[in-house]
């Protein structure tokens, strides 16, 4: 079974989250250091996709509060296109060298998920977990990725509470 990968882009770190194989729950999968530019993290994200047999990538789309796309959203879309090209190249390389690459051979689809206020929500989750505010930084990006991925999973498969039969 394959899983979905959630991505929260940042210039310092790119936060990652993976789903369970049933596509029900998202969980933190760490950060990739971006060293001032999220595009530097592309190869490491490709490695995660290949190692984890990812079938869909969900990238946070930082819309403006009014719902329109600004420069950050355009950058996220460029990052997604770059990721797609790297994955295609990696798949072609795997076909020629029979390396330890994804067995499926297909590039997973890349989707975007509205990520407005996810960082605020992530900080709230970390406070609820009694993590000192000064210690949030290493965890907030991957927690944001969890929120992004969980929203995509819920939208794709529906809220489990909605699947229970209604009485009356």
N, C-alpha and C. Protein backbone atom coordinates (compact mmCIF):
# COMPACT_ATOMS: atom_id res chain seq x y z
N UNK A 1 0.84 -1.19 0.00
CA UNK A 1 0.00 0.00 0.00
C UNK A 1 0.87 1.24 0.00
N UNK A 2 0.37 2.27 -0.57
CA UNK A 2 1.14 3.50 -0.62
C UNK A 2 0.53 4.54 0.31
N UNK A 3 1.24 5.64 0.45
CA UNK A 3 0.84 6.70 1.35
C UNK A 3 0.88 8.04 0.62
N UNK A 4 0.33 9.06 1.26
CA UNK A 4 0.40 10.42 0.74
C UNK A 4 1.43 11.18 1.55
N UNK A 5 2.05 12.16 0.91
CA UNK A 5 3.03 13.03 1.55
C UNK A 5 2.50 14.45 1.58
N UNK A 6 2.53 15.07 2.76
CA UNK A 6 2.18 16.48 2.91
C UNK A 6 3.45 17.30 3.04
N UNK A 7 3.45 18.49 2.42
CA UNK A 7 4.64 19.34 2.39
C UNK A 7 4.27 20.76 2.80
N UNK A 8 4.99 21.27 3.79
CA UNK A 8 4.87 22.67 4.19
C UNK A 8 6.18 23.36 3.82
N UNK A 9 6.12 24.24 2.82
CA UNK A 9 7.32 24.90 2.33
C UNK A 9 7.74 26.04 3.23
N UNK A 10 9.04 26.16 3.41
CA UNK A 10 9.61 27.28 4.13
C UNK A 10 11.02 27.50 3.64
N UNK A 11 11.54 28.68 3.88
CA UNK A 11 12.91 28.97 3.44
C UNK A 11 13.94 28.37 4.39
N UNK A 12 13.59 28.20 5.65
CA UNK A 12 14.53 27.57 6.60
C UNK A 12 14.39 26.06 6.59
N UNK A 13 13.15 25.59 6.64
CA UNK A 13 12.87 24.16 6.68
C UNK A 13 11.64 23.85 5.83
N UNK A 14 11.61 22.64 5.28
CA UNK A 14 10.43 22.12 4.60
C UNK A 14 9.90 21.01 5.49
N UNK A 15 8.69 21.22 6.03
CA UNK A 15 8.08 20.23 6.91
C UNK A 15 7.39 19.15 6.10
N UNK A 16 7.49 17.91 6.60
CA UNK A 16 6.90 16.77 5.91
C UNK A 16 5.98 15.99 6.82
N UNK A 17 4.95 15.41 6.23
CA UNK A 17 4.03 14.53 6.94
C UNK A 17 3.67 13.39 6.00
N UNK A 18 3.44 12.22 6.55
CA UNK A 18 3.00 11.06 5.79
C UNK A 18 1.66 10.58 6.32
N UNK A 19 0.86 10.01 5.45
CA UNK A 19 -0.40 9.41 5.88
C UNK A 19 -0.15 7.96 6.28
N UNK A 20 -1.15 7.38 6.91
CA UNK A 20 -1.12 5.93 7.10
C UNK A 20 -1.55 5.29 5.77
N UNK A 21 -1.32 4.00 5.60
CA UNK A 21 -1.69 3.35 4.32
C UNK A 21 -3.19 3.38 4.02
N UNK A 22 -4.01 3.52 5.03
CA UNK A 22 -5.46 3.59 4.82
C UNK A 22 -5.92 4.97 4.40
N UNK A 23 -4.99 5.94 4.34
CA UNK A 23 -5.28 7.33 3.98
C UNK A 23 -6.29 7.96 4.92
N UNK A 24 -6.11 7.69 6.22
CA UNK A 24 -7.01 8.21 7.24
C UNK A 24 -6.35 9.28 8.09
N UNK A 25 -5.12 9.02 8.53
CA UNK A 25 -4.44 9.93 9.46
C UNK A 25 -3.08 10.36 8.92
N UNK A 26 -2.75 11.62 9.19
CA UNK A 26 -1.43 12.17 8.86
C UNK A 26 -0.59 12.19 10.13
N UNK A 27 0.71 11.96 9.96
CA UNK A 27 1.63 12.02 11.10
C UNK A 27 2.92 12.70 10.66
N UNK A 28 3.63 13.35 11.60
CA UNK A 28 4.86 14.06 11.24
C UNK A 28 5.90 13.12 10.67
N UNK A 29 6.64 13.61 9.67
CA UNK A 29 7.71 12.82 9.06
C UNK A 29 9.02 13.59 9.02
N UNK A 30 9.12 14.64 9.82
CA UNK A 30 10.38 15.36 9.92
C UNK A 30 10.45 16.60 9.05
N UNK A 31 11.62 17.20 9.07
CA UNK A 31 11.91 18.41 8.31
C UNK A 31 13.10 18.16 7.40
N UNK A 32 13.16 18.91 6.33
CA UNK A 32 14.33 18.96 5.47
C UNK A 32 14.86 20.38 5.58
N UNK A 33 16.12 20.52 5.90
CA UNK A 33 16.72 21.85 5.98
C UNK A 33 16.77 22.46 4.59
N UNK A 34 16.32 23.72 4.47
CA UNK A 34 16.28 24.38 3.17
C UNK A 34 17.38 25.42 3.01
N UNK A 35 18.03 25.79 4.08
CA UNK A 35 19.16 26.72 4.03
C UNK A 35 18.85 27.99 3.25
N UNK A 36 17.69 28.58 3.52
CA UNK A 36 17.35 29.86 2.90
C UNK A 36 16.58 29.77 1.60
N UNK A 37 16.34 28.57 1.09
CA UNK A 37 15.63 28.43 -0.19
C UNK A 37 15.00 27.04 -0.26
N UNK A 38 13.68 26.97 -0.27
CA UNK A 38 12.99 25.68 -0.27
C UNK A 38 13.34 24.83 -1.48
N UNK A 39 13.81 25.43 -2.57
CA UNK A 39 14.18 24.66 -3.75
C UNK A 39 15.40 23.77 -3.48
N UNK A 40 16.19 24.12 -2.47
CA UNK A 40 17.34 23.28 -2.11
C UNK A 40 16.92 21.95 -1.49
N UNK A 41 15.67 21.86 -1.07
CA UNK A 41 15.18 20.65 -0.41
C UNK A 41 14.58 19.64 -1.40
N UNK A 42 14.52 19.98 -2.67
CA UNK A 42 13.84 19.12 -3.65
C UNK A 42 14.39 17.69 -3.68
N UNK A 43 15.70 17.55 -3.75
CA UNK A 43 16.27 16.20 -3.86
C UNK A 43 15.95 15.35 -2.63
N UNK A 44 16.00 15.96 -1.45
CA UNK A 44 15.68 15.22 -0.22
C UNK A 44 14.22 14.81 -0.21
N UNK A 45 13.33 15.65 -0.72
CA UNK A 45 11.91 15.30 -0.78
C UNK A 45 11.69 14.18 -1.79
N UNK A 46 12.38 14.22 -2.91
CA UNK A 46 12.29 13.12 -3.88
C UNK A 46 12.72 11.81 -3.22
N UNK A 47 13.78 11.84 -2.42
CA UNK A 47 14.22 10.64 -1.71
C UNK A 47 13.13 10.09 -0.80
N UNK A 48 12.45 10.98 -0.06
CA UNK A 48 11.37 10.55 0.83
C UNK A 48 10.25 9.91 0.01
N UNK A 49 9.89 10.53 -1.10
CA UNK A 49 8.82 10.00 -1.95
C UNK A 49 9.18 8.60 -2.44
N UNK A 50 10.40 8.42 -2.86
CA UNK A 50 10.81 7.11 -3.37
C UNK A 50 10.90 6.06 -2.28
N UNK A 51 11.46 6.43 -1.13
CA UNK A 51 11.59 5.47 -0.01
C UNK A 51 10.25 5.06 0.56
N UNK A 52 9.30 5.99 0.58
CA UNK A 52 8.02 5.75 1.27
C UNK A 52 6.91 5.28 0.34
N UNK A 53 7.20 5.08 -0.94
CA UNK A 53 6.21 4.65 -1.92
C UNK A 53 5.00 5.58 -1.90
N UNK A 54 5.26 6.87 -2.04
CA UNK A 54 4.22 7.90 -1.99
C UNK A 54 3.41 7.87 -3.29
N UNK A 55 2.09 7.88 -3.15
CA UNK A 55 1.21 7.85 -4.32
C UNK A 55 0.60 9.21 -4.63
N UNK A 56 0.72 10.19 -3.74
CA UNK A 56 0.23 11.55 -3.98
C UNK A 56 1.01 12.49 -3.08
N UNK A 57 1.35 13.65 -3.63
CA UNK A 57 2.04 14.70 -2.87
C UNK A 57 1.07 15.87 -2.73
N UNK A 58 0.91 16.36 -1.50
CA UNK A 58 0.03 17.50 -1.22
C UNK A 58 0.90 18.62 -0.67
N UNK A 59 0.98 19.70 -1.42
CA UNK A 59 1.80 20.85 -1.05
C UNK A 59 0.90 21.96 -0.53
N UNK A 60 1.29 22.54 0.59
CA UNK A 60 0.53 23.66 1.14
C UNK A 60 0.59 24.85 0.21
N UNK A 61 -0.56 25.45 -0.05
CA UNK A 61 -0.66 26.62 -0.92
C UNK A 61 -0.99 27.83 -0.04
N UNK A 62 -0.01 28.72 0.15
CA UNK A 62 -0.21 29.86 1.06
C UNK A 62 -1.01 30.99 0.41
N UNK A 63 -2.32 30.81 0.37
CA UNK A 63 -3.20 31.84 -0.18
C UNK A 63 -3.23 33.05 0.75
N UNK A 64 -3.56 34.20 0.19
CA UNK A 64 -3.77 35.38 1.01
C UNK A 64 -5.07 35.19 1.79
N UNK A 65 -5.26 35.95 2.84
CA UNK A 65 -6.46 35.77 3.66
C UNK A 65 -7.75 35.95 2.87
N UNK A 66 -7.71 36.73 1.78
CA UNK A 66 -8.92 36.92 0.97
C UNK A 66 -9.11 35.78 -0.04
N UNK A 67 -8.22 34.79 -0.02
CA UNK A 67 -8.35 33.61 -0.87
C UNK A 67 -7.66 33.71 -2.21
N UNK A 68 -7.01 34.82 -2.49
CA UNK A 68 -6.30 34.95 -3.77
C UNK A 68 -4.85 34.50 -3.62
N UNK A 69 -4.21 34.27 -4.78
CA UNK A 69 -2.83 33.84 -4.77
C UNK A 69 -1.89 35.03 -4.88
N UNK A 70 -0.93 35.08 -3.98
CA UNK A 70 0.11 36.10 -4.03
C UNK A 70 1.42 35.47 -4.44
N UNK A 71 2.52 36.15 -4.15
CA UNK A 71 3.83 35.67 -4.58
C UNK A 71 4.21 34.35 -3.90
N UNK A 72 3.83 34.16 -2.65
CA UNK A 72 4.16 32.90 -1.97
C UNK A 72 3.43 31.71 -2.60
N UNK A 73 2.19 31.91 -2.99
CA UNK A 73 1.44 30.83 -3.65
C UNK A 73 2.05 30.52 -5.02
N UNK A 74 2.45 31.56 -5.74
CA UNK A 74 3.08 31.33 -7.04
C UNK A 74 4.39 30.57 -6.86
N UNK A 75 5.14 30.90 -5.80
CA UNK A 75 6.39 30.19 -5.53
C UNK A 75 6.10 28.72 -5.20
N UNK A 76 5.05 28.45 -4.44
CA UNK A 76 4.68 27.07 -4.11
C UNK A 76 4.33 26.29 -5.38
N UNK A 77 3.63 26.92 -6.30
CA UNK A 77 3.29 26.24 -7.56
C UNK A 77 4.55 25.97 -8.38
N UNK A 78 5.50 26.92 -8.40
CA UNK A 78 6.77 26.69 -9.11
C UNK A 78 7.53 25.53 -8.47
N UNK A 79 7.52 25.49 -7.12
CA UNK A 79 8.19 24.41 -6.40
C UNK A 79 7.55 23.07 -6.78
N UNK A 80 6.24 23.03 -6.85
CA UNK A 80 5.53 21.80 -7.23
C UNK A 80 5.90 21.36 -8.64
N UNK A 81 5.98 22.31 -9.57
CA UNK A 81 6.39 21.95 -10.94
C UNK A 81 7.82 21.42 -10.95
N UNK A 82 8.69 22.05 -10.17
CA UNK A 82 10.09 21.58 -10.09
C UNK A 82 10.16 20.18 -9.50
N UNK A 83 9.36 19.93 -8.47
CA UNK A 83 9.32 18.60 -7.88
C UNK A 83 8.87 17.57 -8.91
N UNK A 84 7.84 17.90 -9.68
CA UNK A 84 7.36 16.99 -10.72
C UNK A 84 8.45 16.67 -11.73
N UNK A 85 9.21 17.69 -12.15
CA UNK A 85 10.29 17.46 -13.11
C UNK A 85 11.38 16.58 -12.50
N UNK A 86 11.73 16.82 -11.22
CA UNK A 86 12.75 15.99 -10.57
C UNK A 86 12.28 14.55 -10.46
N UNK A 87 11.01 14.36 -10.14
CA UNK A 87 10.48 13.00 -10.04
C UNK A 87 10.50 12.30 -11.39
N UNK A 88 10.12 13.01 -12.45
CA UNK A 88 10.17 12.42 -13.80
C UNK A 88 11.59 12.02 -14.15
N UNK A 89 12.54 12.89 -13.86
CA UNK A 89 13.94 12.60 -14.15
C UNK A 89 14.42 11.39 -13.34
N UNK A 90 14.03 11.34 -12.09
CA UNK A 90 14.42 10.23 -11.23
C UNK A 90 13.84 8.91 -11.73
N UNK A 91 12.59 8.95 -12.20
CA UNK A 91 11.95 7.74 -12.72
C UNK A 91 12.68 7.27 -13.99
N UNK A 92 13.08 8.22 -14.84
CA UNK A 92 13.81 7.85 -16.06
C UNK A 92 15.16 7.25 -15.70
N UNK A 93 15.85 7.84 -14.72
CA UNK A 93 17.13 7.30 -14.28
C UNK A 93 16.96 5.89 -13.72
N UNK A 94 15.90 5.67 -12.97
CA UNK A 94 15.66 4.35 -12.38
C UNK A 94 15.40 3.31 -13.45
N UNK A 95 14.75 3.72 -14.52
CA UNK A 95 14.46 2.77 -15.60
C UNK A 95 15.74 2.34 -16.32
N UNK A 96 16.75 3.20 -16.31
CA UNK A 96 17.97 2.86 -17.02
C UNK A 96 19.02 2.19 -16.15
N UNK A 97 18.97 2.42 -14.82
CA UNK A 97 20.02 1.84 -13.98
C UNK A 97 19.53 0.80 -12.98
N UNK A 98 18.23 0.48 -12.98
CA UNK A 98 17.67 -0.54 -12.09
C UNK A 98 18.10 -0.33 -10.65
N UNK A 99 18.12 0.91 -10.18
CA UNK A 99 18.49 1.21 -8.80
C UNK A 99 17.36 0.95 -7.83
N UNK A 100 17.55 1.33 -6.59
CA UNK A 100 16.52 1.16 -5.55
C UNK A 100 15.52 2.30 -5.62
N UNK A 101 14.72 2.31 -6.64
CA UNK A 101 13.75 3.38 -6.84
C UNK A 101 12.35 2.85 -6.67
N UNK A 102 11.37 3.76 -6.72
CA UNK A 102 9.97 3.38 -6.60
C UNK A 102 9.65 2.27 -7.59
N UNK A 103 8.93 1.28 -7.11
CA UNK A 103 8.59 0.15 -7.97
C UNK A 103 7.48 0.48 -8.94
N UNK A 104 6.62 1.45 -8.61
CA UNK A 104 5.48 1.75 -9.47
C UNK A 104 5.85 2.38 -10.79
N UNK A 105 6.95 3.12 -10.84
CA UNK A 105 7.41 3.72 -12.07
C UNK A 105 6.66 4.96 -12.49
N UNK A 106 5.57 5.30 -11.87
CA UNK A 106 4.79 6.47 -12.25
C UNK A 106 5.06 7.61 -11.27
N UNK A 107 5.07 8.81 -11.80
CA UNK A 107 5.24 9.99 -10.96
C UNK A 107 3.93 10.23 -10.21
N UNK A 108 3.99 10.35 -8.88
CA UNK A 108 2.74 10.58 -8.15
C UNK A 108 2.16 11.95 -8.48
N UNK A 109 0.83 12.06 -8.51
CA UNK A 109 0.23 13.36 -8.76
C UNK A 109 0.60 14.34 -7.64
N UNK A 110 0.68 15.60 -8.01
CA UNK A 110 0.99 16.67 -7.06
C UNK A 110 -0.23 17.57 -6.97
N UNK A 111 -0.72 17.74 -5.75
CA UNK A 111 -1.90 18.57 -5.51
C UNK A 111 -1.52 19.69 -4.54
N UNK A 112 -2.38 20.69 -4.47
CA UNK A 112 -2.16 21.82 -3.57
C UNK A 112 -3.34 21.93 -2.63
N UNK A 113 -3.05 22.29 -1.38
CA UNK A 113 -4.07 22.41 -0.34
C UNK A 113 -3.93 23.78 0.31
N UNK A 114 -5.03 24.49 0.41
CA UNK A 114 -5.04 25.80 1.09
C UNK A 114 -4.42 25.63 2.47
N UNK A 115 -3.43 26.45 2.78
CA UNK A 115 -2.76 26.34 4.07
C UNK A 115 -2.90 27.60 4.92
N UNK A 116 -3.90 28.41 4.63
CA UNK A 116 -4.07 29.62 5.42
C UNK A 116 -4.18 29.28 6.90
N UNK A 117 -3.40 29.98 7.70
CA UNK A 117 -3.40 29.89 9.17
C UNK A 117 -2.90 28.55 9.72
N UNK A 118 -2.28 27.72 8.91
CA UNK A 118 -1.79 26.45 9.45
C UNK A 118 -0.68 26.65 10.46
N UNK A 119 0.18 27.64 10.27
CA UNK A 119 1.26 27.86 11.23
C UNK A 119 0.69 28.27 12.58
N UNK A 120 -0.33 29.12 12.57
CA UNK A 120 -0.98 29.53 13.81
C UNK A 120 -1.60 28.31 14.50
N UNK A 121 -2.28 27.48 13.73
CA UNK A 121 -2.89 26.26 14.26
C UNK A 121 -1.82 25.31 14.80
N UNK A 122 -0.73 25.18 14.07
CA UNK A 122 0.36 24.30 14.50
C UNK A 122 0.94 24.76 15.83
N UNK A 123 1.17 26.06 15.97
CA UNK A 123 1.67 26.58 17.26
C UNK A 123 0.67 26.28 18.37
N UNK A 124 -0.61 26.38 18.08
CA UNK A 124 -1.64 26.05 19.07
C UNK A 124 -1.59 24.59 19.48
N UNK A 125 -1.41 23.71 18.52
CA UNK A 125 -1.30 22.27 18.83
C UNK A 125 -0.08 22.01 19.71
N UNK A 126 1.03 22.66 19.39
CA UNK A 126 2.25 22.44 20.17
C UNK A 126 2.12 23.00 21.59
N UNK A 127 1.41 24.12 21.73
CA UNK A 127 1.14 24.65 23.08
C UNK A 127 0.27 23.68 23.87
N UNK A 128 -0.75 23.12 23.21
CA UNK A 128 -1.63 22.15 23.87
C UNK A 128 -0.86 20.91 24.30
N UNK A 129 0.21 20.60 23.58
CA UNK A 129 1.05 19.45 23.93
C UNK A 129 2.06 19.82 25.01
N UNK A 130 1.92 21.02 25.57
CA UNK A 130 2.79 21.53 26.65
C UNK A 130 4.24 21.68 26.22
N UNK A 131 4.44 21.97 24.95
CA UNK A 131 5.79 22.23 24.46
C UNK A 131 6.07 23.72 24.62
N UNK A 132 7.15 24.05 25.27
CA UNK A 132 7.54 25.43 25.50
C UNK A 132 7.65 26.16 24.16
N UNK A 133 7.11 27.38 24.09
CA UNK A 133 7.09 28.17 22.87
C UNK A 133 8.45 28.33 22.22
N UNK A 134 9.50 28.40 22.99
CA UNK A 134 10.85 28.54 22.42
C UNK A 134 11.28 27.26 21.70
N UNK A 135 10.64 26.15 22.01
CA UNK A 135 11.03 24.87 21.41
C UNK A 135 10.13 24.48 20.23
N UNK A 136 9.20 25.37 19.83
CA UNK A 136 8.28 25.07 18.73
C UNK A 136 8.98 24.99 17.38
N UNK A 137 10.00 25.81 17.17
CA UNK A 137 10.58 25.99 15.84
C UNK A 137 10.89 24.67 15.12
N UNK A 138 11.57 23.70 15.74
CA UNK A 138 11.87 22.48 14.99
C UNK A 138 10.64 21.63 14.67
N UNK A 139 9.53 21.88 15.34
CA UNK A 139 8.35 21.03 15.18
C UNK A 139 7.23 21.69 14.38
N UNK A 140 7.24 23.01 14.30
CA UNK A 140 6.09 23.71 13.72
C UNK A 140 5.93 23.42 12.23
N UNK A 141 7.02 23.26 11.49
CA UNK A 141 6.91 23.01 10.06
C UNK A 141 6.31 21.63 9.77
N UNK A 142 6.76 20.62 10.51
CA UNK A 142 6.18 19.30 10.27
C UNK A 142 4.76 19.22 10.81
N UNK A 143 4.44 19.93 11.87
CA UNK A 143 3.05 19.97 12.36
C UNK A 143 2.16 20.68 11.34
N UNK A 144 2.68 21.72 10.71
CA UNK A 144 1.93 22.39 9.64
C UNK A 144 1.70 21.43 8.47
N UNK A 145 2.70 20.62 8.14
CA UNK A 145 2.54 19.63 7.08
C UNK A 145 1.47 18.60 7.44
N UNK A 146 1.40 18.23 8.72
CA UNK A 146 0.36 17.31 9.18
C UNK A 146 -1.02 17.93 8.95
N UNK A 147 -1.17 19.20 9.30
CA UNK A 147 -2.46 19.88 9.14
C UNK A 147 -2.85 19.96 7.66
N UNK A 148 -1.90 20.29 6.81
CA UNK A 148 -2.14 20.37 5.36
C UNK A 148 -2.58 19.01 4.83
N UNK A 149 -1.82 17.97 5.18
CA UNK A 149 -2.12 16.63 4.68
C UNK A 149 -3.45 16.12 5.23
N UNK A 150 -3.71 16.35 6.50
CA UNK A 150 -4.97 15.87 7.09
C UNK A 150 -6.17 16.53 6.42
N UNK A 151 -6.06 17.81 6.10
CA UNK A 151 -7.15 18.49 5.39
C UNK A 151 -7.39 17.85 4.02
N UNK A 152 -6.32 17.51 3.33
CA UNK A 152 -6.46 16.87 2.02
C UNK A 152 -7.06 15.47 2.15
N UNK A 153 -6.62 14.72 3.15
CA UNK A 153 -7.17 13.38 3.38
C UNK A 153 -8.65 13.46 3.70
N UNK A 154 -9.02 14.40 4.57
CA UNK A 154 -10.43 14.55 4.95
C UNK A 154 -11.29 14.93 3.74
N UNK A 155 -10.75 15.80 2.90
CA UNK A 155 -11.50 16.21 1.70
C UNK A 155 -11.64 15.05 0.72
N UNK A 156 -10.63 14.20 0.65
CA UNK A 156 -10.63 13.10 -0.33
C UNK A 156 -11.51 11.94 0.11
N UNK A 157 -11.47 11.60 1.36
CA UNK A 157 -12.20 10.41 1.81
C UNK A 157 -13.39 10.76 2.68
N UNK A 158 -13.58 12.03 2.99
CA UNK A 158 -14.69 12.45 3.82
C UNK A 158 -14.38 12.24 5.29
N UNK A 159 -15.05 12.96 6.11
CA UNK A 159 -14.92 12.84 7.55
C UNK A 159 -15.57 11.53 7.99
N UNK A 160 -14.84 10.65 8.71
CA UNK A 160 -15.41 9.36 9.11
C UNK A 160 -16.74 9.51 9.86
N UNK A 161 -16.92 10.59 10.59
CA UNK A 161 -18.19 10.79 11.32
C UNK A 161 -19.35 10.97 10.36
N UNK A 162 -19.04 11.49 9.15
CA UNK A 162 -20.09 11.68 8.15
C UNK A 162 -20.49 10.36 7.50
N UNK A 163 -19.66 9.33 7.63
CA UNK A 163 -19.96 8.05 7.00
C UNK A 163 -20.86 7.18 7.89
N UNK A 164 -21.01 7.57 9.15
CA UNK A 164 -21.89 6.79 10.03
C UNK A 164 -23.34 7.03 9.64
N UNK A 165 -24.15 6.00 9.72
CA UNK A 165 -25.55 6.17 9.34
C UNK A 165 -26.27 7.16 10.25
N UNK A 166 -27.10 7.97 9.64
CA UNK A 166 -27.90 8.93 10.42
C UNK A 166 -29.18 8.27 10.85
N UNK A 167 -29.57 8.48 12.11
CA UNK A 167 -30.81 7.91 12.63
C UNK A 167 -31.91 8.95 12.46
N UNK A 168 -33.05 8.50 11.99
CA UNK A 168 -34.20 9.40 11.93
C UNK A 168 -34.43 9.91 10.62
